[in-house]
Amino acid sequence: MDAVLAAAARVLQLGSVSVTTAEARSMLDEDARRAIDADIDEAPMEEIERRLRHHGRLSWNVMALMGLGAAIALAGLLSAPVPQALALAAAAIIAPAFEPFAKVTVAWSRTVGMP
């Protein structure tokens, strides 16, 4: 990312320039497997913040899904152990707040060195 922005800064001296960045979602290349596995995604913080704001925006749909997820989780808590686990997993998938919370926990685990 730094090399791309440095190249854009050099081109800016010649005139106006427009740069678009995007985060790679997936990449498959068996010949470059080691390089891909060792790569670190360098998404700029502005892009990550924009995506979290977009997905975390409060709306009626979000509130309805959160309510549905809460109702399923509550019903699961009152059930036997196996249906309870299934209900809690279903509630976590339905509720839209699950994705940002999951990303926060993954980011935290990577900063403290957990696999």
N, C-alpha and C. Protein backbone atom coordinates (compact mmCIF):
# COMPACT_ATOMS: atom_id res chain seq x y z
N MET A 1 0.82 -1.18 0.00
CA MET A 1 0.00 0.00 0.00
C MET A 1 0.87 1.25 0.00
N ASP A 2 1.93 1.25 0.80
CA ASP A 2 2.81 2.41 0.86
C ASP A 2 3.47 2.69 -0.48
N ALA A 3 3.87 1.62 -1.19
CA ALA A 3 4.51 1.80 -2.50
C ALA A 3 3.54 2.39 -3.51
N VAL A 4 2.28 1.98 -3.48
CA VAL A 4 1.28 2.52 -4.40
C VAL A 4 1.04 4.00 -4.13
N LEU A 5 0.90 4.36 -2.85
CA LEU A 5 0.67 5.76 -2.52
C LEU A 5 1.90 6.63 -2.81
N ALA A 6 3.11 6.08 -2.66
CA ALA A 6 4.32 6.82 -3.01
C ALA A 6 4.39 7.05 -4.51
N ALA A 7 4.02 6.05 -5.30
CA ALA A 7 4.00 6.22 -6.76
C ALA A 7 2.96 7.26 -7.17
N ALA A 8 1.81 7.26 -6.51
CA ALA A 8 0.78 8.26 -6.81
C ALA A 8 1.27 9.65 -6.44
N ALA A 9 2.02 9.80 -5.37
CA ALA A 9 2.55 11.10 -4.98
C ALA A 9 3.55 11.62 -6.01
N ARG A 10 4.36 10.71 -6.58
CA ARG A 10 5.31 11.14 -7.62
C ARG A 10 4.58 11.58 -8.88
N VAL A 11 3.52 10.87 -9.25
CA VAL A 11 2.76 11.22 -10.45
C VAL A 11 2.00 12.52 -10.23
N LEU A 12 1.64 12.82 -9.01
CA LEU A 12 0.90 14.04 -8.68
C LEU A 12 1.69 15.29 -9.07
N GLN A 13 3.01 15.20 -9.10
CA GLN A 13 3.83 16.35 -9.50
C GLN A 13 3.65 16.68 -10.98
N LEU A 14 3.18 15.72 -11.78
CA LEU A 14 2.97 15.94 -13.21
C LEU A 14 1.58 16.48 -13.51
N GLY A 15 0.67 16.41 -12.58
CA GLY A 15 -0.71 16.85 -12.79
C GLY A 15 -1.62 16.16 -11.79
N SER A 16 -2.91 16.31 -12.00
CA SER A 16 -3.84 15.69 -11.05
C SER A 16 -3.88 14.17 -11.26
N VAL A 17 -4.16 13.48 -10.18
CA VAL A 17 -4.18 12.02 -10.22
C VAL A 17 -5.31 11.53 -9.31
N SER A 18 -5.90 10.43 -9.68
CA SER A 18 -6.95 9.81 -8.87
C SER A 18 -6.53 8.38 -8.59
N VAL A 19 -6.59 7.99 -7.30
CA VAL A 19 -6.17 6.65 -6.90
C VAL A 19 -7.32 5.98 -6.16
N THR A 20 -7.60 4.75 -6.51
CA THR A 20 -8.61 3.95 -5.83
C THR A 20 -7.93 2.73 -5.23
N THR A 21 -8.23 2.45 -3.96
CA THR A 21 -7.67 1.27 -3.32
C THR A 21 -8.80 0.32 -2.97
N ALA A 22 -8.48 -0.94 -2.88
CA ALA A 22 -9.46 -1.96 -2.50
C ALA A 22 -8.75 -3.06 -1.74
N GLU A 23 -9.46 -3.68 -0.86
CA GLU A 23 -8.91 -4.78 -0.07
C GLU A 23 -9.17 -6.09 -0.81
N ALA A 24 -8.14 -6.91 -0.93
CA ALA A 24 -8.29 -8.20 -1.60
C ALA A 24 -9.12 -9.13 -0.72
N ARG A 25 -10.17 -9.71 -1.27
CA ARG A 25 -11.03 -10.62 -0.52
C ARG A 25 -10.53 -12.06 -0.58
N SER A 26 -10.03 -12.47 -1.74
CA SER A 26 -9.52 -13.83 -1.86
C SER A 26 -8.56 -13.91 -3.04
N MET A 27 -7.64 -14.87 -2.95
CA MET A 27 -6.68 -15.08 -4.03
C MET A 27 -6.26 -16.54 -4.00
N LEU A 28 -6.31 -17.18 -5.15
CA LEU A 28 -5.91 -18.58 -5.28
C LEU A 28 -4.83 -18.69 -6.35
N ASP A 29 -3.69 -19.22 -5.98
CA ASP A 29 -2.59 -19.47 -6.91
C ASP A 29 -1.68 -20.50 -6.26
N GLU A 30 -1.79 -21.74 -6.70
CA GLU A 30 -1.02 -22.81 -6.08
C GLU A 30 0.49 -22.59 -6.21
N ASP A 31 0.94 -21.97 -7.30
CA ASP A 31 2.37 -21.73 -7.49
C ASP A 31 2.92 -20.71 -6.50
N ALA A 32 2.08 -19.80 -6.05
CA ALA A 32 2.52 -18.74 -5.13
C ALA A 32 1.91 -18.93 -3.74
N ARG A 33 1.61 -20.15 -3.37
CA ARG A 33 0.93 -20.41 -2.10
C ARG A 33 1.69 -19.87 -0.89
N ARG A 34 2.99 -20.10 -0.83
CA ARG A 34 3.77 -19.61 0.33
C ARG A 34 3.75 -18.09 0.41
N ALA A 35 3.91 -17.42 -0.72
CA ALA A 35 3.90 -15.95 -0.72
C ALA A 35 2.54 -15.41 -0.30
N ILE A 36 1.47 -16.05 -0.74
CA ILE A 36 0.12 -15.60 -0.38
C ILE A 36 -0.13 -15.84 1.10
N ASP A 37 0.27 -17.00 1.61
CA ASP A 37 0.06 -17.31 3.03
C ASP A 37 0.85 -16.35 3.93
N ALA A 38 2.01 -15.90 3.47
CA ALA A 38 2.84 -15.00 4.28
C ALA A 38 2.48 -13.53 4.10
N ASP A 39 1.59 -13.24 3.15
CA ASP A 39 1.24 -11.85 2.86
C ASP A 39 0.37 -11.26 3.97
N ILE A 40 0.54 -9.97 4.19
CA ILE A 40 -0.27 -9.24 5.15
C ILE A 40 -1.12 -8.25 4.36
N ASP A 41 -2.41 -8.27 4.60
CA ASP A 41 -3.32 -7.35 3.90
C ASP A 41 -3.13 -5.96 4.48
N GLU A 42 -2.77 -5.02 3.63
CA GLU A 42 -2.48 -3.66 4.09
C GLU A 42 -3.59 -2.71 3.70
N ALA A 43 -4.81 -3.00 4.12
CA ALA A 43 -5.91 -2.09 3.84
C ALA A 43 -5.72 -0.82 4.67
N PRO A 44 -5.90 0.34 4.05
CA PRO A 44 -5.75 1.57 4.83
C PRO A 44 -6.85 1.68 5.88
N MET A 45 -6.53 2.30 7.00
CA MET A 45 -7.49 2.42 8.09
C MET A 45 -8.75 3.16 7.67
N GLU A 46 -8.63 4.11 6.74
CA GLU A 46 -9.81 4.85 6.28
C GLU A 46 -10.79 3.91 5.60
N GLU A 47 -10.28 2.95 4.83
CA GLU A 47 -11.14 2.00 4.15
C GLU A 47 -11.83 1.06 5.14
N ILE A 48 -11.09 0.61 6.14
CA ILE A 48 -11.66 -0.27 7.15
C ILE A 48 -12.72 0.48 7.95
N GLU A 49 -12.43 1.73 8.30
CA GLU A 49 -13.39 2.54 9.05
C GLU A 49 -14.66 2.79 8.24
N ARG A 50 -14.51 3.09 6.95
CA ARG A 50 -15.67 3.31 6.08
C ARG A 50 -16.54 2.07 6.01
N ARG A 51 -15.91 0.91 5.86
CA ARG A 51 -16.66 -0.34 5.76
C ARG A 51 -17.39 -0.64 7.07
N LEU A 52 -16.74 -0.42 8.21
CA LEU A 52 -17.42 -0.65 9.49
C LEU A 52 -18.58 0.31 9.69
N ARG A 53 -18.41 1.57 9.28
CA ARG A 53 -19.52 2.53 9.39
C ARG A 53 -20.68 2.11 8.51
N HIS A 54 -20.37 1.67 7.30
CA HIS A 54 -21.43 1.25 6.37
C HIS A 54 -22.20 0.06 6.92
N HIS A 55 -21.48 -0.94 7.42
CA HIS A 55 -22.14 -2.14 7.92
C HIS A 55 -22.73 -1.94 9.31
N GLY A 56 -22.30 -0.93 10.02
CA GLY A 56 -22.80 -0.70 11.37
C GLY A 56 -23.89 0.35 11.45
N ARG A 57 -24.38 0.83 10.31
CA ARG A 57 -25.40 1.87 10.29
C ARG A 57 -26.72 1.33 10.83
N LEU A 58 -27.37 2.08 11.71
CA LEU A 58 -28.62 1.68 12.33
C LEU A 58 -29.79 1.95 11.38
N SER A 59 -30.62 0.94 11.15
CA SER A 59 -31.82 1.09 10.32
C SER A 59 -32.91 0.17 10.86
N TRP A 60 -34.11 0.27 10.28
CA TRP A 60 -35.20 -0.60 10.73
C TRP A 60 -34.89 -2.06 10.44
N ASN A 61 -34.24 -2.33 9.32
CA ASN A 61 -33.88 -3.72 9.01
C ASN A 61 -32.91 -4.28 10.04
N VAL A 62 -31.92 -3.47 10.43
CA VAL A 62 -30.95 -3.91 11.43
C VAL A 62 -31.66 -4.17 12.75
N MET A 63 -32.55 -3.26 13.16
CA MET A 63 -33.26 -3.44 14.41
C MET A 63 -34.15 -4.69 14.39
N ALA A 64 -34.83 -4.94 13.26
CA ALA A 64 -35.68 -6.14 13.15
C ALA A 64 -34.84 -7.41 13.24
N LEU A 65 -33.70 -7.43 12.55
CA LEU A 65 -32.84 -8.61 12.60
C LEU A 65 -32.23 -8.80 13.98
N MET A 66 -31.86 -7.72 14.65
CA MET A 66 -31.32 -7.83 16.00
C MET A 66 -32.40 -8.37 16.95
N GLY A 67 -33.63 -7.89 16.78
CA GLY A 67 -34.73 -8.39 17.61
C GLY A 67 -35.00 -9.87 17.36
N LEU A 68 -34.99 -10.27 16.09
CA LEU A 68 -35.18 -11.67 15.74
C LEU A 68 -34.06 -12.53 16.30
N GLY A 69 -32.82 -12.05 16.18
CA GLY A 69 -31.68 -12.78 16.74
C GLY A 69 -31.79 -12.91 18.25
N ALA A 70 -32.25 -11.84 18.92
CA ALA A 70 -32.42 -11.88 20.38
C ALA A 70 -33.51 -12.87 20.78
N ALA A 71 -34.60 -12.90 20.02
CA ALA A 71 -35.69 -13.83 20.33
C ALA A 71 -35.24 -15.28 20.15
N ILE A 72 -34.49 -15.55 19.09
CA ILE A 72 -33.98 -16.91 18.87
C ILE A 72 -32.99 -17.29 19.96
N ALA A 73 -32.12 -16.36 20.34
CA ALA A 73 -31.15 -16.63 21.41
C ALA A 73 -31.86 -16.89 22.73
N LEU A 74 -32.90 -16.12 23.04
CA LEU A 74 -33.65 -16.32 24.28
C LEU A 74 -34.34 -17.67 24.28
N ALA A 75 -34.97 -18.03 23.15
CA ALA A 75 -35.60 -19.35 23.05
C ALA A 75 -34.56 -20.45 23.20
N GLY A 76 -33.37 -20.23 22.64
CA GLY A 76 -32.32 -21.23 22.76
C GLY A 76 -31.84 -21.39 24.18
N LEU A 77 -31.74 -20.28 24.92
CA LEU A 77 -31.28 -20.36 26.31
C LEU A 77 -32.24 -21.15 27.19
N LEU A 78 -33.50 -21.21 26.79
CA LEU A 78 -34.50 -21.94 27.56
C LEU A 78 -34.63 -23.39 27.10
N SER A 79 -33.79 -23.83 26.17
CA SER A 79 -33.87 -25.16 25.59
C SER A 79 -32.82 -26.09 26.17
N ALA A 80 -32.88 -27.34 25.70
CA ALA A 80 -31.87 -28.34 26.07
C ALA A 80 -30.53 -27.97 25.44
N PRO A 81 -29.42 -28.57 25.87
CA PRO A 81 -28.09 -28.16 25.41
C PRO A 81 -27.87 -28.17 23.89
N VAL A 82 -28.29 -29.21 23.18
CA VAL A 82 -28.04 -29.25 21.73
C VAL A 82 -28.86 -28.20 20.99
N PRO A 83 -30.19 -28.11 21.21
CA PRO A 83 -30.93 -27.02 20.55
C PRO A 83 -30.45 -25.64 20.99
N GLN A 84 -29.95 -25.56 22.22
CA GLN A 84 -29.44 -24.28 22.72
C GLN A 84 -28.25 -23.83 21.88
N ALA A 85 -27.32 -24.73 21.62
CA ALA A 85 -26.14 -24.37 20.81
C ALA A 85 -26.55 -23.99 19.40
N LEU A 86 -27.49 -24.73 18.82
CA LEU A 86 -27.95 -24.41 17.46
C LEU A 86 -28.65 -23.06 17.42
N ALA A 87 -29.48 -22.79 18.43
CA ALA A 87 -30.20 -21.51 18.46
C ALA A 87 -29.24 -20.34 18.63
N LEU A 88 -28.24 -20.49 19.49
CA LEU A 88 -27.28 -19.40 19.68
C LEU A 88 -26.46 -19.16 18.42
N ALA A 89 -26.09 -20.23 17.72
CA ALA A 89 -25.36 -20.06 16.46
C ALA A 89 -26.24 -19.39 15.41
N ALA A 90 -27.51 -19.80 15.34
CA ALA A 90 -28.43 -19.17 14.38
C ALA A 90 -28.65 -17.70 14.70
N ALA A 91 -28.80 -17.39 15.98
CA ALA A 91 -28.99 -15.99 16.39
C ALA A 91 -27.78 -15.14 16.03
N ALA A 92 -26.58 -15.71 16.20
CA ALA A 92 -25.37 -14.96 15.87
C ALA A 92 -25.27 -14.72 14.37
N ILE A 93 -25.76 -15.64 13.57
CA ILE A 93 -25.71 -15.47 12.11
C ILE A 93 -26.76 -14.46 11.66
N ILE A 94 -27.94 -14.50 12.24
CA ILE A 94 -29.03 -13.61 11.83
C ILE A 94 -28.77 -12.16 12.26
N ALA A 95 -28.29 -11.97 13.46
CA ALA A 95 -28.10 -10.62 13.99
C ALA A 95 -26.95 -9.93 13.25
N PRO A 96 -27.19 -8.75 12.65
CA PRO A 96 -26.16 -8.08 11.86
C PRO A 96 -24.98 -7.57 12.68
N ALA A 97 -25.12 -7.45 13.99
CA ALA A 97 -24.01 -6.98 14.81
C ALA A 97 -22.94 -8.06 14.96
N PHE A 98 -23.25 -9.29 14.56
CA PHE A 98 -22.29 -10.38 14.71
C PHE A 98 -21.04 -10.14 13.88
N GLU A 99 -21.19 -9.65 12.64
CA GLU A 99 -20.03 -9.47 11.76
C GLU A 99 -19.00 -8.48 12.31
N PRO A 100 -19.39 -7.25 12.70
CA PRO A 100 -18.38 -6.35 13.26
C PRO A 100 -17.74 -6.88 14.54
N PHE A 101 -18.52 -7.53 15.40
CA PHE A 101 -17.95 -8.09 16.63
C PHE A 101 -16.97 -9.21 16.31
N ALA A 102 -17.30 -10.02 15.32
CA ALA A 102 -16.40 -11.10 14.92
C ALA A 102 -15.10 -10.52 14.37
N LYS A 103 -15.18 -9.45 13.59
CA LYS A 103 -13.97 -8.83 13.04
C LYS A 103 -13.11 -8.24 14.16
N VAL A 104 -13.74 -7.65 15.16
CA VAL A 104 -12.98 -7.07 16.27
C VAL A 104 -12.23 -8.17 17.01
N THR A 105 -12.89 -9.30 17.26
CA THR A 105 -12.22 -10.38 17.98
C THR A 105 -11.10 -10.99 17.15
N VAL A 106 -11.28 -11.10 15.84
CA VAL A 106 -10.21 -11.63 14.99
C VAL A 106 -9.03 -10.67 14.99
N ALA A 107 -9.30 -9.36 14.88
CA ALA A 107 -8.22 -8.38 14.90
C ALA A 107 -7.49 -8.41 16.23
N TRP A 108 -8.22 -8.53 17.32
CA TRP A 108 -7.60 -8.59 18.65
C TRP A 108 -6.71 -9.83 18.76
N SER A 109 -7.22 -10.97 18.28
CA SER A 109 -6.43 -12.20 18.42
C SER A 109 -5.14 -12.12 17.58
N ARG A 110 -5.18 -11.41 16.47
CA ARG A 110 -3.98 -11.27 15.65
C ARG A 110 -2.97 -10.31 16.30
N THR A 111 -3.46 -9.30 17.01
CA THR A 111 -2.52 -8.36 17.63
C THR A 111 -1.84 -8.96 18.84
N VAL A 112 -2.50 -9.90 19.50
CA VAL A 112 -1.87 -10.52 20.66
C VAL A 112 -1.13 -11.80 20.29
N GLY A 113 -1.11 -12.13 19.00
CA GLY A 113 -0.31 -13.25 18.52
C GLY A 113 -0.99 -14.59 18.57
N MET A 114 -2.31 -14.62 18.66
CA MET A 114 -3.02 -15.91 18.66
C MET A 114 -3.19 -16.37 17.22
N PRO A 115 -3.24 -17.68 16.93
CA PRO A 115 -3.40 -18.17 15.56
C PRO A 115 -4.78 -17.92 15.02
